[in-house]
Amino acid sequence: MSKWIEIEVFVFPQDAYMAKSYLESEGIEVFLQDEVSSRVLNINGGVKLMVPEDRIHQAIELLEKGGFKR
């Protein structure tokens, strides 16, 4: 079982959902951490986009290509 690694943090949940959908459309599993606390509690930590450790490089490359990476 792969370890989940944070590869990006989004201030706005909708941006995290768009990046998640983009990566999933490319076959990469994605987990959004702190999405509920960010939306409901308005906590400024952001929504963390997590991917399996063995897919980090591919996911980062795709996020950069898609314009999601800072």
PDB file of N, CA and C in Angstrom:
ATOM      1  N   MET A   1       0.843  -1.184   0.000  1.00  0.00           N
ATOM      2  CA  MET A   1       0.000   0.000   0.000  1.00  0.00           C
ATOM      3  C   MET A   1       0.885   1.244   0.000  1.00  0.00           C
ATOM      4  N   SER A   2       0.598   2.150  -0.885  1.00  0.00           N
ATOM      5  CA  SER A   2       1.398   3.361  -1.020  1.00  0.00           C
ATOM      6  C   SER A   2       1.098   4.372   0.079  1.00  0.00           C
ATOM      7  N   LYS A   3       2.112   5.121   0.396  1.00  0.00           N
ATOM      8  CA  LYS A   3       1.973   6.234   1.319  1.00  0.00           C
ATOM      9  C   LYS A   3       1.444   7.424   0.516  1.00  0.00           C
ATOM     10  N   TRP A   4       0.553   8.227   1.114  1.00  0.00           N
ATOM     11  CA  TRP A   4       0.007   9.415   0.447  1.00  0.00           C
ATOM     12  C   TRP A   4       0.904  10.605   0.757  1.00  0.00           C
ATOM     13  N   ILE A   5       1.244  11.366  -0.282  1.00  0.00           N
ATOM     14  CA  ILE A   5       2.153  12.509  -0.164  1.00  0.00           C
ATOM     15  C   ILE A   5       1.458  13.777  -0.658  1.00  0.00           C
ATOM     16  N   GLU A   6       1.616  14.853   0.102  1.00  0.00           N
ATOM     17  CA  GLU A   6       1.071  16.162  -0.293  1.00  0.00           C
ATOM     18  C   GLU A   6       1.935  16.750  -1.403  1.00  0.00           C
ATOM     19  N   ILE A   7       1.273  17.125  -2.512  1.00  0.00           N
ATOM     20  CA  ILE A   7       2.052  17.728  -3.607  1.00  0.00           C
ATOM     21  C   ILE A   7       1.645  19.168  -3.897  1.00  0.00           C
ATOM     22  N   GLU A   8       0.527  19.610  -3.348  1.00  0.00           N
ATOM     23  CA  GLU A   8       0.090  20.992  -3.574  1.00  0.00           C
ATOM     24  C   GLU A   8      -0.939  21.357  -2.511  1.00  0.00           C
ATOM     25  N   VAL A   9      -1.001  22.636  -2.196  1.00  0.00           N
ATOM     26  CA  VAL A   9      -2.007  23.162  -1.276  1.00  0.00           C
ATOM     27  C   VAL A   9      -2.760  24.266  -2.008  1.00  0.00           C
ATOM     28  N   PHE A  10      -4.079  24.201  -1.937  1.00  0.00           N
ATOM     29  CA  PHE A  10      -4.931  25.181  -2.610  1.00  0.00           C
ATOM     30  C   PHE A  10      -5.685  26.004  -1.575  1.00  0.00           C
ATOM     31  N   VAL A  11      -5.698  27.312  -1.746  1.00  0.00           N
ATOM     32  CA  VAL A  11      -6.425  28.203  -0.859  1.00  0.00           C
ATOM     33  C   VAL A  11      -7.922  28.047  -1.074  1.00  0.00           C
ATOM     34  N   PHE A  12      -8.310  27.906  -2.338  1.00  0.00           N
ATOM     35  CA  PHE A  12      -9.719  27.798  -2.673  1.00  0.00           C
ATOM     36  C   PHE A  12     -10.075  26.346  -2.991  1.00  0.00           C
ATOM     37  N   PRO A  13     -11.054  25.780  -2.267  1.00  0.00           N
ATOM     38  CA  PRO A  13     -11.437  24.379  -2.488  1.00  0.00           C
ATOM     39  C   PRO A  13     -11.786  24.070  -3.935  1.00  0.00           C
ATOM     40  N   GLN A  14     -12.417  25.000  -4.636  1.00  0.00           N
ATOM     41  CA  GLN A  14     -12.804  24.723  -6.019  1.00  0.00           C
ATOM     42  C   GLN A  14     -11.580  24.474  -6.903  1.00  0.00           C
ATOM     43  N   ASP A  15     -10.460  25.129  -6.604  1.00  0.00           N
ATOM     44  CA  ASP A  15      -9.233  24.884  -7.368  1.00  0.00           C
ATOM     45  C   ASP A  15      -8.714  23.469  -7.093  1.00  0.00           C
ATOM     46  N   ALA A  16      -8.821  23.041  -5.847  1.00  0.00           N
ATOM     47  CA  ALA A  16      -8.397  21.685  -5.486  1.00  0.00           C
ATOM     48  C   ALA A  16      -9.256  20.648  -6.195  1.00  0.00           C
ATOM     49  N   TYR A  17     -10.558  20.891  -6.272  1.00  0.00           N
ATOM     50  CA  TYR A  17     -11.462  19.954  -6.953  1.00  0.00           C
ATOM     51  C   TYR A  17     -11.147  19.875  -8.445  1.00  0.00           C
ATOM     52  N   MET A  18     -10.810  20.986  -9.051  1.00  0.00           N
ATOM     53  CA  MET A  18     -10.462  20.991 -10.474  1.00  0.00           C
ATOM     54  C   MET A  18      -9.177  20.196 -10.709  1.00  0.00           C
ATOM     55  N   ALA A  19      -8.173  20.410  -9.869  1.00  0.00           N
ATOM     56  CA  ALA A  19      -6.910  19.682 -10.003  1.00  0.00           C
ATOM     57  C   ALA A  19      -7.133  18.190  -9.754  1.00  0.00           C
ATOM     58  N   LYS A  20      -7.956  17.871  -8.780  1.00  0.00           N
ATOM     59  CA  LYS A  20      -8.283  16.477  -8.467  1.00  0.00           C
ATOM     60  C   LYS A  20      -8.930  15.807  -9.678  1.00  0.00           C
ATOM     61  N   SER A  21      -9.904  16.449 -10.260  1.00  0.00           N
ATOM     62  CA  SER A  21     -10.590  15.895 -11.432  1.00  0.00           C
ATOM     63  C   SER A  21      -9.621  15.699 -12.594  1.00  0.00           C
ATOM     64  N   TYR A  22      -8.747  16.670 -12.776  1.00  0.00           N
ATOM     65  CA  TYR A  22      -7.755  16.600 -13.853  1.00  0.00           C
ATOM     66  C   TYR A  22      -6.842  15.386 -13.667  1.00  0.00           C
ATOM     67  N   LEU A  23      -6.308  15.216 -12.467  1.00  0.00           N
ATOM     68  CA  LEU A  23      -5.408  14.089 -12.216  1.00  0.00           C
ATOM     69  C   LEU A  23      -6.146  12.758 -12.323  1.00  0.00           C
ATOM     70  N   GLU A  24      -7.359  12.703 -11.798  1.00  0.00           N
ATOM     71  CA  GLU A  24      -8.131  11.464 -11.884  1.00  0.00           C
ATOM     72  C   GLU A  24      -8.446  11.105 -13.332  1.00  0.00           C
ATOM     73  N   SER A  25      -8.664  12.103 -14.175  1.00  0.00           N
ATOM     74  CA  SER A  25      -8.924  11.832 -15.590  1.00  0.00           C
ATOM     75  C   SER A  25      -7.693  11.246 -16.277  1.00  0.00           C
ATOM     76  N   GLU A  26      -6.528  11.447 -15.657  1.00  0.00           N
ATOM     77  CA  GLU A  26      -5.272  10.896 -16.176  1.00  0.00           C
ATOM     78  C   GLU A  26      -4.889   9.592 -15.470  1.00  0.00           C
ATOM     79  N   GLY A  27      -5.809   9.072 -14.644  1.00  0.00           N
ATOM     80  CA  GLY A  27      -5.592   7.779 -13.996  1.00  0.00           C
ATOM     81  C   GLY A  27      -4.830   7.812 -12.686  1.00  0.00           C
ATOM     82  N   ILE A  28      -4.721   8.976 -12.067  1.00  0.00           N
ATOM     83  CA  ILE A  28      -4.004   9.098 -10.793  1.00  0.00           C
ATOM     84  C   ILE A  28      -5.013   9.240  -9.660  1.00  0.00           C
ATOM     85  N   GLU A  29      -4.872   8.389  -8.641  1.00  0.00           N
ATOM     86  CA  GLU A  29      -5.727   8.502  -7.467  1.00  0.00           C
ATOM     87  C   GLU A  29      -5.366   9.773  -6.711  1.00  0.00           C
ATOM     88  N   VAL A  30      -6.377  10.437  -6.155  1.00  0.00           N
ATOM     89  CA  VAL A  30      -6.158  11.690  -5.435  1.00  0.00           C
ATOM     90  C   VAL A  30      -7.002  11.681  -4.168  1.00  0.00           C
ATOM     91  N   PHE A  31      -6.423  12.232  -3.111  1.00  0.00           N
ATOM     92  CA  PHE A  31      -7.135  12.421  -1.853  1.00  0.00           C
ATOM     93  C   PHE A  31      -6.984  13.884  -1.471  1.00  0.00           C
ATOM     94  N   LEU A  32      -8.094  14.532  -1.123  1.00  0.00           N
ATOM     95  CA  LEU A  32      -8.044  15.915  -0.651  1.00  0.00           C
ATOM     96  C   LEU A  32      -8.137  15.924   0.868  1.00  0.00           C
ATOM     97  N   GLN A  33      -7.097  16.422   1.490  1.00  0.00           N
ATOM     98  CA  GLN A  33      -7.049  16.496   2.950  1.00  0.00           C
ATOM     99  C   GLN A  33      -7.436  17.896   3.396  1.00  0.00           C
ATOM    100  N   ASP A  34      -8.187  17.984   4.470  1.00  0.00           N
ATOM    101  CA  ASP A  34      -8.630  19.248   5.075  1.00  0.00           C
ATOM    102  C   ASP A  34      -9.648  19.988   4.214  1.00  0.00           C
ATOM    103  N   GLU A  35     -10.307  19.278   3.292  1.00  0.00           N
ATOM    104  CA  GLU A  35     -11.290  19.954   2.446  1.00  0.00           C
ATOM    105  C   GLU A  35     -12.499  20.411   3.240  1.00  0.00           C
ATOM    106  N   VAL A  36     -12.940  19.616   4.198  1.00  0.00           N
ATOM    107  CA  VAL A  36     -14.116  19.984   4.983  1.00  0.00           C
ATOM    108  C   VAL A  36     -13.795  21.153   5.911  1.00  0.00           C
ATOM    109  N   SER A  37     -12.664  21.080   6.612  1.00  0.00           N
ATOM    110  CA  SER A  37     -12.315  22.165   7.531  1.00  0.00           C
ATOM    111  C   SER A  37     -12.074  23.462   6.780  1.00  0.00           C
ATOM    112  N   SER A  38     -11.547  23.359   5.573  1.00  0.00           N
ATOM    113  CA  SER A  38     -11.311  24.565   4.782  1.00  0.00           C
ATOM    114  C   SER A  38     -12.627  25.201   4.340  1.00  0.00           C
ATOM    115  N   ARG A  39     -13.590  24.370   3.937  1.00  0.00           N
ATOM    116  CA  ARG A  39     -14.887  24.878   3.452  1.00  0.00           C
ATOM    117  C   ARG A  39     -15.788  25.317   4.590  1.00  0.00           C
ATOM    118  N   VAL A  40     -15.962  24.444   5.567  1.00  0.00           N
ATOM    119  CA  VAL A  40     -16.949  24.678   6.615  1.00  0.00           C
ATOM    120  C   VAL A  40     -16.440  25.634   7.683  1.00  0.00           C
ATOM    121  N   LEU A  41     -15.220  25.414   8.123  1.00  0.00           N
ATOM    122  CA  LEU A  41     -14.679  26.212   9.221  1.00  0.00           C
ATOM    123  C   LEU A  41     -13.894  27.428   8.748  1.00  0.00           C
ATOM    124  N   ASN A  42     -13.683  27.523   7.442  1.00  0.00           N
ATOM    125  CA  ASN A  42     -12.940  28.633   6.850  1.00  0.00           C
ATOM    126  C   ASN A  42     -11.545  28.772   7.461  1.00  0.00           C
ATOM    127  N   ILE A  43     -10.893  27.636   7.619  1.00  0.00           N
ATOM    128  CA  ILE A  43      -9.534  27.619   8.146  1.00  0.00           C
ATOM    129  C   ILE A  43      -8.574  27.938   7.002  1.00  0.00           C
ATOM    130  N   ASN A  44      -7.575  28.747   7.269  1.00  0.00           N
ATOM    131  CA  ASN A  44      -6.678  29.247   6.230  1.00  0.00           C
ATOM    132  C   ASN A  44      -5.573  28.287   5.814  1.00  0.00           C
ATOM    133  N   GLY A  45      -5.560  27.061   6.331  1.00  0.00           N
ATOM    134  CA  GLY A  45      -4.495  26.118   5.986  1.00  0.00           C
ATOM    135  C   GLY A  45      -4.571  25.600   4.568  1.00  0.00           C
ATOM    136  N   GLY A  46      -5.719  25.742   3.948  1.00  0.00           N
ATOM    137  CA  GLY A  46      -5.886  25.294   2.573  1.00  0.00           C
ATOM    138  C   GLY A  46      -6.239  23.833   2.457  1.00  0.00           C
ATOM    139  N   VAL A  47      -6.540  23.437   1.239  1.00  0.00           N
ATOM    140  CA  VAL A  47      -6.875  22.056   0.925  1.00  0.00           C
ATOM    141  C   VAL A  47      -5.633  21.410   0.344  1.00  0.00           C
ATOM    142  N   LYS A  48      -5.219  20.303   0.947  1.00  0.00           N
ATOM    143  CA  LYS A  48      -4.002  19.621   0.530  1.00  0.00           C
ATOM    144  C   LYS A  48      -4.333  18.531  -0.473  1.00  0.00           C
ATOM    145  N   LEU A  49      -3.674  18.563  -1.612  1.00  0.00           N
ATOM    146  CA  LEU A  49      -3.847  17.556  -2.646  1.00  0.00           C
ATOM    147  C   LEU A  49      -2.798  16.474  -2.419  1.00  0.00           C
ATOM    148  N   MET A  50      -3.272  15.263  -2.179  1.00  0.00           N
ATOM    149  CA  MET A  50      -2.401  14.131  -1.852  1.00  0.00           C
ATOM    150  C   MET A  50      -2.488  13.078  -2.956  1.00  0.00           C
ATOM    151  N   VAL A  51      -1.342  12.489  -3.289  1.00  0.00           N
ATOM    152  CA  VAL A  51      -1.297  11.404  -4.271  1.00  0.00           C
ATOM    153  C   VAL A  51      -0.437  10.276  -3.703  1.00  0.00           C
ATOM    154  N   PRO A  52      -0.608   9.063  -4.233  1.00  0.00           N
ATOM    155  CA  PRO A  52       0.254   7.966  -3.790  1.00  0.00           C
ATOM    156  C   PRO A  52       1.719   8.266  -4.094  1.00  0.00           C
ATOM    157  N   GLU A  53       2.565   7.851  -3.192  1.00  0.00           N
ATOM    158  CA  GLU A  53       3.997   8.148  -3.290  1.00  0.00           C
ATOM    159  C   GLU A  53       4.593   7.731  -4.632  1.00  0.00           C
ATOM    160  N   ASP A  54       4.142   6.626  -5.178  1.00  0.00           N
ATOM    161  CA  ASP A  54       4.719   6.139  -6.428  1.00  0.00           C
ATOM    162  C   ASP A  54       4.222   6.894  -7.664  1.00  0.00           C
ATOM    163  N   ARG A  55       3.329   7.866  -7.481  1.00  0.00           N
ATOM    164  CA  ARG A  55       2.808   8.652  -8.607  1.00  0.00           C
ATOM    165  C   ARG A  55       3.160  10.145  -8.504  1.00  0.00           C
ATOM    166  N   ILE A  56       4.010  10.496  -7.552  1.00  0.00           N
ATOM    167  CA  ILE A  56       4.347  11.904  -7.301  1.00  0.00           C
ATOM    168  C   ILE A  56       4.865  12.608  -8.554  1.00  0.00           C
ATOM    169  N   HIS A  57       5.862  12.048  -9.175  1.00  0.00           N
ATOM    170  CA  HIS A  57       6.505  12.725 -10.309  1.00  0.00           C
ATOM    171  C   HIS A  57       5.533  12.926 -11.467  1.00  0.00           C
ATOM    172  N   GLN A  58       4.762  11.908 -11.765  1.00  0.00           N
ATOM    173  CA  GLN A  58       3.783  12.020 -12.849  1.00  0.00           C
ATOM    174  C   GLN A  58       2.726  13.068 -12.504  1.00  0.00           C
ATOM    175  N   ALA A  59       2.253  13.067 -11.254  1.00  0.00           N
ATOM    176  CA  ALA A  59       1.216  14.015 -10.839  1.00  0.00           C
ATOM    177  C   ALA A  59       1.723  15.452 -10.896  1.00  0.00           C
ATOM    178  N   ILE A  60       2.931  15.690 -10.419  1.00  0.00           N
ATOM    179  CA  ILE A  60       3.502  17.038 -10.449  1.00  0.00           C
ATOM    180  C   ILE A  60       3.670  17.511 -11.891  1.00  0.00           C
ATOM    181  N   GLU A  61       4.159  16.626 -12.740  1.00  0.00           N
ATOM    182  CA  GLU A  61       4.332  16.976 -14.154  1.00  0.00           C
ATOM    183  C   GLU A  61       2.987  17.352 -14.784  1.00  0.00           C
ATOM    184  N   LEU A  62       1.951  16.578 -14.494  1.00  0.00           N
ATOM    185  CA  LEU A  62       0.627  16.867 -15.035  1.00  0.00           C
ATOM    186  C   LEU A  62       0.067  18.188 -14.495  1.00  0.00           C
ATOM    187  N   LEU A  63       0.265  18.441 -13.195  1.00  0.00           N
ATOM    188  CA  LEU A  63      -0.223  19.700 -12.619  1.00  0.00           C
ATOM    189  C   LEU A  63       0.472  20.894 -13.262  1.00  0.00           C
ATOM    190  N   GLU A  64       1.765  20.774 -13.500  1.00  0.00           N
ATOM    191  CA  GLU A  64       2.498  21.862 -14.154  1.00  0.00           C
ATOM    192  C   GLU A  64       1.993  22.064 -15.574  1.00  0.00           C
ATOM    193  N   LYS A  65       1.805  20.960 -16.289  1.00  0.00           N
ATOM    194  CA  LYS A  65       1.320  21.016 -17.665  1.00  0.00           C
ATOM    195  C   LYS A  65      -0.080  21.622 -17.727  1.00  0.00           C
ATOM    196  N   GLY A  66      -0.923  21.299 -16.740  1.00  0.00           N
ATOM    197  CA  GLY A  66      -2.295  21.786 -16.713  1.00  0.00           C
ATOM    198  C   GLY A  66      -2.451  23.180 -16.110  1.00  0.00           C
ATOM    199  N   GLY A  67      -1.356  23.768 -15.612  1.00  0.00           N
ATOM    200  CA  GLY A  67      -1.399  25.111 -15.048  1.00  0.00           C
ATOM    201  C   GLY A  67      -1.881  25.175 -13.611  1.00  0.00           C
ATOM    202  N   PHE A  68      -1.828  24.061 -12.884  1.00  0.00           N
ATOM    203  CA  PHE A  68      -2.293  24.016 -11.498  1.00  0.00           C
ATOM    204  C   PHE A  68      -1.185  24.213 -10.488  1.00  0.00           C
ATOM    205  N   LYS A  69       0.033  24.058 -10.907  1.00  0.00           N
ATOM    206  CA  LYS A  69       1.172  24.125  -9.974  1.00  0.00           C
ATOM    207  C   LYS A  69       1.713  25.545  -9.920  1.00  0.00           C
ATOM    208  N   ARG A  70       1.956  26.025  -8.692  1.00  0.00           N
ATOM    209  CA  ARG A  70       2.505  27.380  -8.511  1.00  0.00           C
ATOM    210  C   ARG A  70       3.931  27.473  -8.966  1.00  0.00           C
TER     211      ARG A  70
END
